[in-house]
PDB file of all heavy atoms in Angstrom:
ATOM      1  N   GLN A   1      26.979 -67.844  80.645  1.00  0.00           N
ATOM      2  CA  GLN A   1      27.478 -69.039  80.304  1.00  0.00           C
ATOM      3  C   GLN A   1      28.970 -69.118  80.397  1.00  0.00           C
ATOM      4  O   GLN A   1      29.497 -70.056  80.954  1.00  0.00           O
ATOM      5  CB  GLN A   1      27.177 -69.419  78.924  1.00  0.00           C
ATOM      6  CG  GLN A   1      25.657 -69.885  78.677  1.00  0.00           C
ATOM      7  CD  GLN A   1      25.353 -70.149  77.355  1.00  0.00           C
ATOM      8  OE1 GLN A   1      25.636 -69.453  76.341  1.00  0.00           O
ATOM      9  NE2 GLN A   1      24.485 -71.266  77.124  1.00  0.00           N
ATOM     10  N   ILE A   2      29.653 -68.023  79.780  1.00  0.00           N
ATOM     11  CA  ILE A   2      31.114 -68.001  79.819  1.00  0.00           C
ATOM     12  C   ILE A   2      31.599 -67.964  81.203  1.00  0.00           C
ATOM     13  O   ILE A   2      32.580 -68.504  81.663  1.00  0.00           O
ATOM     14  CB  ILE A   2      31.512 -66.794  79.054  1.00  0.00           C
ATOM     15  CG1 ILE A   2      31.287 -66.925  77.568  1.00  0.00           C
ATOM     16  CG2 ILE A   2      32.944 -66.420  79.364  1.00  0.00           C
ATOM     17  CD1 ILE A   2      31.410 -65.723  76.736  1.00  0.00           C
ATOM     18  N   MET A   3      30.981 -67.225  82.248  1.00  0.00           N
ATOM     19  CA  MET A   3      31.462 -67.041  83.514  1.00  0.00           C
ATOM     20  C   MET A   3      30.964 -68.192  84.465  1.00  0.00           C
ATOM     21  O   MET A   3      31.377 -68.187  85.717  1.00  0.00           O
ATOM     22  CB  MET A   3      30.952 -65.721  83.976  1.00  0.00           C
ATOM     23  CG  MET A   3      31.577 -64.522  83.168  1.00  0.00           C
ATOM     24  SD  MET A   3      31.002 -62.925  83.669  1.00  0.00           S
ATOM     25  CE  MET A   3      32.122 -62.763  85.250  1.00  0.00           C
ATOM     26  N   LYS A   4      30.237 -69.024  83.944  1.00  0.00           N
ATOM     27  CA  LYS A   4      29.744 -70.236  84.934  1.00  0.00           C
ATOM     28  C   LYS A   4      30.820 -71.207  85.260  1.00  0.00           C
ATOM     29  O   LYS A   4      31.229 -71.793  84.331  1.00  0.00           O
ATOM     30  CB  LYS A   4      28.544 -70.804  84.193  1.00  0.00           C
ATOM     31  CG  LYS A   4      27.836 -71.923  85.184  1.00  0.00           C
ATOM     32  CD  LYS A   4      26.539 -72.319  84.725  1.00  0.00           C
ATOM     33  CE  LYS A   4      25.912 -73.155  85.746  1.00  0.00           C
ATOM     34  NZ  LYS A   4      24.414 -73.502  85.305  1.00  0.00           N
ATOM     35  N   PRO A   5      31.073 -71.211  86.402  1.00  0.00           N
ATOM     36  CA  PRO A   5      32.248 -72.115  86.964  1.00  0.00           C
ATOM     37  C   PRO A   5      31.877 -73.652  86.470  1.00  0.00           C
ATOM     38  O   PRO A   5      30.599 -73.993  86.939  1.00  0.00           O
ATOM     39  CB  PRO A   5      32.406 -72.009  88.420  1.00  0.00           C
ATOM     40  CG  PRO A   5      31.724 -70.563  88.702  1.00  0.00           C
ATOM     41  CD  PRO A   5      30.694 -70.409  87.616  1.00  0.00           C
ATOM     42  N   GLY A   6      32.755 -74.394  86.052  1.00  0.00           N
ATOM     43  CA  GLY A   6      32.418 -75.891  85.721  1.00  0.00           C
ATOM     44  C   GLY A   6      31.678 -76.153  84.431  1.00  0.00           C
ATOM     45  O   GLY A   6      31.379 -77.200  84.149  1.00  0.00           O
ATOM     46  N   ALA A   7      31.378 -74.983  83.593  1.00  0.00           N
ATOM     47  CA  ALA A   7      30.585 -75.313  82.380  1.00  0.00           C
ATOM     48  C   ALA A   7      31.622 -75.801  81.272  1.00  0.00           C
ATOM     49  O   ALA A   7      32.810 -75.405  81.397  1.00  0.00           O
ATOM     50  CB  ALA A   7      29.923 -73.968  81.917  1.00  0.00           C
ATOM     51  N   LEU A   8      31.095 -76.681  80.574  1.00  0.00           N
ATOM     52  CA  LEU A   8      31.785 -77.120  79.381  1.00  0.00           C
ATOM     53  C   LEU A   8      31.303 -76.687  78.089  1.00  0.00           C
ATOM     54  O   LEU A   8      29.755 -76.527  78.071  1.00  0.00           O
ATOM     55  CB  LEU A   8      31.948 -78.681  79.373  1.00  0.00           C
ATOM     56  CG  LEU A   8      32.844 -79.324  80.331  1.00  0.00           C
ATOM     57  CD1 LEU A   8      32.784 -80.910  80.274  1.00  0.00           C
ATOM     58  CD2 LEU A   8      34.273 -78.794  80.248  1.00  0.00           C
ATOM     59  N   PHE A   9      31.843 -76.587  77.060  1.00  0.00           N
ATOM     60  CA  PHE A   9      31.373 -76.111  75.744  1.00  0.00           C
ATOM     61  C   PHE A   9      31.624 -77.262  74.764  1.00  0.00           C
ATOM     62  O   PHE A   9      32.770 -77.738  74.731  1.00  0.00           O
ATOM     63  CB  PHE A   9      31.944 -74.841  75.293  1.00  0.00           C
ATOM     64  CG  PHE A   9      31.601 -73.634  76.190  1.00  0.00           C
ATOM     65  CD1 PHE A   9      32.145 -73.488  77.399  1.00  0.00           C
ATOM     66  CD2 PHE A   9      30.581 -72.784  75.745  1.00  0.00           C
ATOM     67  CE1 PHE A   9      31.784 -72.415  78.324  1.00  0.00           C
ATOM     68  CE2 PHE A   9      30.230 -71.695  76.683  1.00  0.00           C
ATOM     69  CZ  PHE A   9      30.870 -71.578  77.874  1.00  0.00           C
ATOM     70  N   ILE A  10      30.691 -77.466  73.824  1.00  0.00           N
ATOM     71  CA  ILE A  10      30.826 -78.482  72.795  1.00  0.00           C
ATOM     72  C   ILE A  10      30.526 -77.777  71.465  1.00  0.00           C
ATOM     73  O   ILE A  10      29.650 -77.119  71.292  1.00  0.00           O
ATOM     74  CB  ILE A  10      29.974 -79.750  73.021  1.00  0.00           C
ATOM     75  CG1 ILE A  10      30.421 -80.849  72.048  1.00  0.00           C
ATOM     76  CG2 ILE A  10      28.594 -79.446  73.043  1.00  0.00           C
ATOM     77  CD1 ILE A  10      29.837 -82.197  72.352  1.00  0.00           C
ATOM     78  N   THR A  11      31.371 -78.065  70.551  1.00  0.00           N
ATOM     79  CA  THR A  11      31.340 -77.577  69.095  1.00  0.00           C
ATOM     80  C   THR A  11      31.961 -78.386  68.114  1.00  0.00           C
ATOM     81  O   THR A  11      32.704 -79.360  68.440  1.00  0.00           O
ATOM     82  CB  THR A  11      31.861 -76.073  69.105  1.00  0.00           C
ATOM     83  OG1 THR A  11      31.435 -75.497  67.897  1.00  0.00           O
ATOM     84  CG2 THR A  11      33.336 -76.065  69.194  1.00  0.00           C
ATOM     85  N   HIS A  12      31.660 -78.265  66.791  1.00  0.00           N
ATOM     86  CA  HIS A  12      32.471 -78.778  65.735  1.00  0.00           C
ATOM     87  C   HIS A  12      33.753 -78.016  65.570  1.00  0.00           C
ATOM     88  O   HIS A  12      33.906 -76.842  65.857  1.00  0.00           O
ATOM     89  CB  HIS A  12      31.682 -78.759  64.393  1.00  0.00           C
ATOM     90  CG  HIS A  12      30.425 -79.594  64.528  1.00  0.00           C
ATOM     91  ND1 HIS A  12      29.170 -79.132  64.485  1.00  0.00           N
ATOM     92  CD2 HIS A  12      30.418 -80.955  64.475  1.00  0.00           C
ATOM     93  CE1 HIS A  12      28.276 -80.065  64.467  1.00  0.00           C
ATOM     94  NE2 HIS A  12      28.877 -81.168  64.430  1.00  0.00           N
ATOM     95  N   THR A  13      34.674 -78.707  65.055  1.00  0.00           N
ATOM     96  CA  THR A  13      36.090 -78.161  64.652  1.00  0.00           C
ATOM     97  C   THR A  13      35.997 -77.144  63.470  1.00  0.00           C
ATOM     98  O   THR A  13      34.920 -77.324  62.670  1.00  0.00           O
ATOM     99  CB  THR A  13      37.115 -79.253  64.406  1.00  0.00           C
ATOM    100  OG1 THR A  13      36.538 -80.049  63.356  1.00  0.00           O
ATOM    101  CG2 THR A  13      37.413 -80.031  65.580  1.00  0.00           C
ATOM    102  N   LYS A  14      36.824 -76.268  63.490  1.00  0.00           N
ATOM    103  CA  LYS A  14      36.996 -75.276  62.374  1.00  0.00           C
ATOM    104  C   LYS A  14      36.810 -76.096  61.040  1.00  0.00           C
ATOM    105  O   LYS A  14      37.470 -77.002  60.797  1.00  0.00           O
ATOM    106  CB  LYS A  14      38.129 -74.363  62.524  1.00  0.00           C
ATOM    107  CG  LYS A  14      37.919 -73.196  61.586  1.00  0.00           C
ATOM    108  CD  LYS A  14      39.011 -72.107  62.041  1.00  0.00           C
ATOM    109  CE  LYS A  14      38.895 -70.881  61.316  1.00  0.00           C
ATOM    110  NZ  LYS A  14      37.588 -70.136  61.604  1.00  0.00           N
ATOM    111  N   GLY A  15      35.986 -75.591  60.235  1.00  0.00           N
ATOM    112  CA  GLY A  15      35.808 -76.258  58.838  1.00  0.00           C
ATOM    113  C   GLY A  15      34.574 -77.253  58.726  1.00  0.00           C
ATOM    114  O   GLY A  15      34.325 -77.738  57.780  1.00  0.00           O
ATOM    115  N   ASN A  16      34.218 -77.656  59.986  1.00  0.00           N
ATOM    116  CA  ASN A  16      33.217 -78.622  60.064  1.00  0.00           C
ATOM    117  C   ASN A  16      31.905 -78.092  60.685  1.00  0.00           C
ATOM    118  O   ASN A  16      30.883 -78.810  61.092  1.00  0.00           O
ATOM    119  CB  ASN A  16      33.596 -79.888  61.040  1.00  0.00           C
ATOM    120  CG  ASN A  16      34.607 -80.595  60.270  1.00  0.00           C
ATOM    121  OD1 ASN A  16      34.469 -81.073  59.111  1.00  0.00           O
ATOM    122  ND2 ASN A  16      35.869 -80.724  60.835  1.00  0.00           N
ATOM    123  N   GLU A  17      31.853 -76.820  60.860  1.00  0.00           N
ATOM    124  CA  GLU A  17      30.709 -76.044  61.531  1.00  0.00           C
ATOM    125  C   GLU A  17      29.439 -76.143  60.778  1.00  0.00           C
ATOM    126  O   GLU A  17      29.512 -76.056  59.536  1.00  0.00           O
ATOM    127  CB  GLU A  17      31.023 -74.590  61.912  1.00  0.00           C
ATOM    128  CG  GLU A  17      32.396 -74.333  62.554  1.00  0.00           C
ATOM    129  CD  GLU A  17      33.425 -73.919  61.673  1.00  0.00           C
ATOM    130  OE1 GLU A  17      33.558 -74.407  60.564  1.00  0.00           O
ATOM    131  OE2 GLU A  17      34.036 -73.117  62.091  1.00  0.00           O
ATOM    132  N   SER A  18      28.351 -76.190  61.445  1.00  0.00           N
ATOM    133  CA  SER A  18      27.102 -76.241  60.824  1.00  0.00           C
ATOM    134  C   SER A  18      26.482 -74.787  60.980  1.00  0.00           C
ATOM    135  O   SER A  18      25.709 -74.329  60.056  1.00  0.00           O
ATOM    136  CB  SER A  18      25.942 -77.051  61.519  1.00  0.00           C
ATOM    137  OG  SER A  18      25.914 -76.885  62.846  1.00  0.00           O
ATOM    138  N   GLU A  19      27.080 -73.893  61.852  1.00  0.00           N
ATOM    139  CA  GLU A  19      26.853 -72.513  61.979  1.00  0.00           C
ATOM    140  C   GLU A  19      28.161 -71.719  61.971  1.00  0.00           C
ATOM    141  O   GLU A  19      28.696 -71.321  62.989  1.00  0.00           O
ATOM    142  CB  GLU A  19      26.080 -72.195  63.212  1.00  0.00           C
ATOM    143  CG  GLU A  19      24.746 -72.890  63.203  1.00  0.00           C
ATOM    144  CD  GLU A  19      23.876 -72.779  64.593  1.00  0.00           C
ATOM    145  OE1 GLU A  19      23.516 -71.606  64.790  1.00  0.00           O
ATOM    146  OE2 GLU A  19      23.912 -73.653  65.334  1.00  0.00           O
ATOM    147  N   PRO A  20      28.805 -71.631  60.780  1.00  0.00           N
ATOM    148  CA  PRO A  20      30.104 -70.929  60.797  1.00  0.00           C
ATOM    149  C   PRO A  20      30.119 -69.659  61.404  1.00  0.00           C
ATOM    150  O   PRO A  20      29.223 -68.754  61.379  1.00  0.00           O
ATOM    151  CB  PRO A  20      30.454 -70.898  59.306  1.00  0.00           C
ATOM    152  CG  PRO A  20      29.605 -71.849  58.582  1.00  0.00           C
ATOM    153  CD  PRO A  20      28.436 -72.006  59.523  1.00  0.00           C
ATOM    154  N   GLY A  21      31.237 -69.479  62.233  1.00  0.00           N
ATOM    155  CA  GLY A  21      31.258 -68.201  63.062  1.00  0.00           C
ATOM    156  C   GLY A  21      30.745 -68.102  64.456  1.00  0.00           C
ATOM    157  O   GLY A  21      31.327 -67.295  65.290  1.00  0.00           O
ATOM    158  N   ARG A  22      29.784 -68.888  64.809  1.00  0.00           N
ATOM    159  CA  ARG A  22      29.246 -68.823  66.103  1.00  0.00           C
ATOM    160  C   ARG A  22      30.225 -69.139  67.180  1.00  0.00           C
ATOM    161  O   ARG A  22      30.402 -68.408  68.228  1.00  0.00           O
ATOM    162  CB  ARG A  22      28.026 -69.837  66.221  1.00  0.00           C
ATOM    163  CG  ARG A  22      27.415 -69.744  67.616  1.00  0.00           C
ATOM    164  CD  ARG A  22      26.391 -70.841  67.721  1.00  0.00           C
ATOM    165  NE  ARG A  22      25.233 -70.316  67.020  1.00  0.00           N
ATOM    166  CZ  ARG A  22      24.175 -69.875  67.550  1.00  0.00           C
ATOM    167  NH1 ARG A  22      23.968 -69.640  68.845  1.00  0.00           N
ATOM    168  NH2 ARG A  22      23.232 -69.482  66.693  1.00  0.00           N
ATOM    169  N   THR A  23      31.059 -70.238  67.079  1.00  0.00           N
ATOM    170  CA  THR A  23      32.105 -70.490  68.031  1.00  0.00           C
ATOM    171  C   THR A  23      33.089 -69.404  68.227  1.00  0.00           C
ATOM    172  O   THR A  23      33.474 -68.997  69.310  1.00  0.00           O
ATOM    173  CB  THR A  23      32.777 -71.755  67.763  1.00  0.00           C
ATOM    174  OG1 THR A  23      31.706 -72.901  67.666  1.00  0.00           O
ATOM    175  CG2 THR A  23      33.817 -72.204  68.735  1.00  0.00           C
ATOM    176  N   GLU A  24      33.593 -68.925  67.117  1.00  0.00           N
ATOM    177  CA  GLU A  24      34.491 -67.841  67.019  1.00  0.00           C
ATOM    178  C   GLU A  24      33.976 -66.554  67.736  1.00  0.00           C
ATOM    179  O   GLU A  24      34.631 -65.892  68.460  1.00  0.00           O
ATOM    180  CB  GLU A  24      35.078 -67.478  65.698  1.00  0.00           C
ATOM    181  CG  GLU A  24      35.976 -68.442  65.093  1.00  0.00           C
ATOM    182  CD  GLU A  24      37.177 -68.753  66.050  1.00  0.00           C
ATOM    183  OE1 GLU A  24      37.775 -67.793  66.464  1.00  0.00           O
ATOM    184  OE2 GLU A  24      37.439 -69.944  66.303  1.00  0.00           O
ATOM    185  N   HIS A  25      32.621 -66.272  67.584  1.00  0.00           N
ATOM    186  CA  HIS A  25      32.020 -65.161  68.170  1.00  0.00           C
ATOM    187  C   HIS A  25      31.967 -65.272  69.769  1.00  0.00           C
ATOM    188  O   HIS A  25      32.266 -64.303  70.423  1.00  0.00           O
ATOM    189  CB  HIS A  25      30.679 -64.998  67.657  1.00  0.00           C
ATOM    190  CG  HIS A  25      30.486 -64.573  66.244  1.00  0.00           C
ATOM    191  ND1 HIS A  25      29.362 -64.692  65.493  1.00  0.00           N
ATOM    192  CD2 HIS A  25      31.301 -64.018  65.344  1.00  0.00           C
ATOM    193  CE1 HIS A  25      29.515 -64.187  64.270  1.00  0.00           C
ATOM    194  NE2 HIS A  25      30.790 -63.820  64.148  1.00  0.00           N
ATOM    195  N   VAL A  26      31.710 -66.549  70.163  1.00  0.00           N
ATOM    196  CA  VAL A  26      31.690 -66.699  71.601  1.00  0.00           C
ATOM    197  C   VAL A  26      33.012 -66.711  72.131  1.00  0.00           C
ATOM    198  O   VAL A  26      33.376 -65.985  73.243  1.00  0.00           O
ATOM    199  CB  VAL A  26      31.020 -68.166  71.961  1.00  0.00           C
ATOM    200  CG1 VAL A  26      31.239 -68.423  73.379  1.00  0.00           C
ATOM    201  CG2 VAL A  26      29.510 -68.116  71.569  1.00  0.00           C
ATOM    202  N   LEU A  27      34.025 -67.120  71.468  1.00  0.00           N
ATOM    203  CA  LEU A  27      35.442 -67.090  71.872  1.00  0.00           C
ATOM    204  C   LEU A  27      36.107 -65.756  71.925  1.00  0.00           C
ATOM    205  O   LEU A  27      36.655 -65.348  72.856  1.00  0.00           O
ATOM    206  CB  LEU A  27      36.377 -68.018  71.090  1.00  0.00           C
ATOM    207  CG  LEU A  27      36.026 -69.502  71.253  1.00  0.00           C
ATOM    208  CD1 LEU A  27      36.815 -70.362  70.262  1.00  0.00           C
ATOM    209  CD2 LEU A  27      36.334 -69.986  72.756  1.00  0.00           C
ATOM    210  N   SER A  28      35.618 -64.918  71.011  1.00  0.00           N
ATOM    211  CA  SER A  28      36.118 -63.501  70.945  1.00  0.00           C
ATOM    212  C   SER A  28      35.453 -62.737  72.140  1.00  0.00           C
ATOM    213  O   SER A  28      36.138 -61.970  72.776  1.00  0.00           O
ATOM    214  CB  SER A  28      35.624 -62.866  69.637  1.00  0.00           C
ATOM    215  OG  SER A  28      36.459 -63.465  68.590  1.00  0.00           O
ATOM    216  N   TYR A  29      34.241 -63.033  72.421  1.00  0.00           N
ATOM    217  CA  TYR A  29      33.430 -62.293  73.582  1.00  0.00           C
ATOM    218  C   TYR A  29      34.088 -62.826  74.807  1.00  0.00           C
ATOM    219  O   TYR A  29      34.385 -61.988  75.654  1.00  0.00           O
ATOM    220  CB  TYR A  29      31.998 -62.555  73.447  1.00  0.00           C
ATOM    221  CG  TYR A  29      31.214 -61.842  74.449  1.00  0.00           C
ATOM    222  CD1 TYR A  29      31.323 -60.423  74.681  1.00  0.00           C
ATOM    223  CD2 TYR A  29      30.342 -62.478  75.172  1.00  0.00           C
ATOM    224  CE1 TYR A  29      30.708 -59.842  75.687  1.00  0.00           C
ATOM    225  CE2 TYR A  29      29.526 -61.811  76.223  1.00  0.00           C
ATOM    226  CZ  TYR A  29      29.781 -60.445  76.355  1.00  0.00           C
ATOM    227  OH  TYR A  29      29.026 -59.768  77.345  1.00  0.00           O
ATOM    228  N   ALA A  30      34.412 -64.090  74.980  1.00  0.00           N
ATOM    229  CA  ALA A  30      35.070 -64.579  76.164  1.00  0.00           C
ATOM    230  C   ALA A  30      36.335 -63.929  76.364  1.00  0.00           C
ATOM    231  O   ALA A  30      36.719 -63.442  77.511  1.00  0.00           O
ATOM    232  CB  ALA A  30      35.168 -66.111  76.072  1.00  0.00           C
ATOM    233  N   ALA A  31      37.080 -63.642  75.288  1.00  0.00           N
ATOM    234  CA  ALA A  31      38.277 -63.053  75.458  1.00  0.00           C
ATOM    235  C   ALA A  31      38.293 -61.543  75.972  1.00  0.00           C
ATOM    236  O   ALA A  31      38.990 -61.137  76.706  1.00  0.00           O
ATOM    237  CB  ALA A  31      39.212 -63.089  74.236  1.00  0.00           C
TER     238      ALA A  31
END
């Protein structure tokens, strides 16, 4: 998913997550 050209990601902003940590995990792995 991270490497797919043209993909977009949608999430809640920090503090509004329904699954706290998931977005940060993906962003850390992407880094």
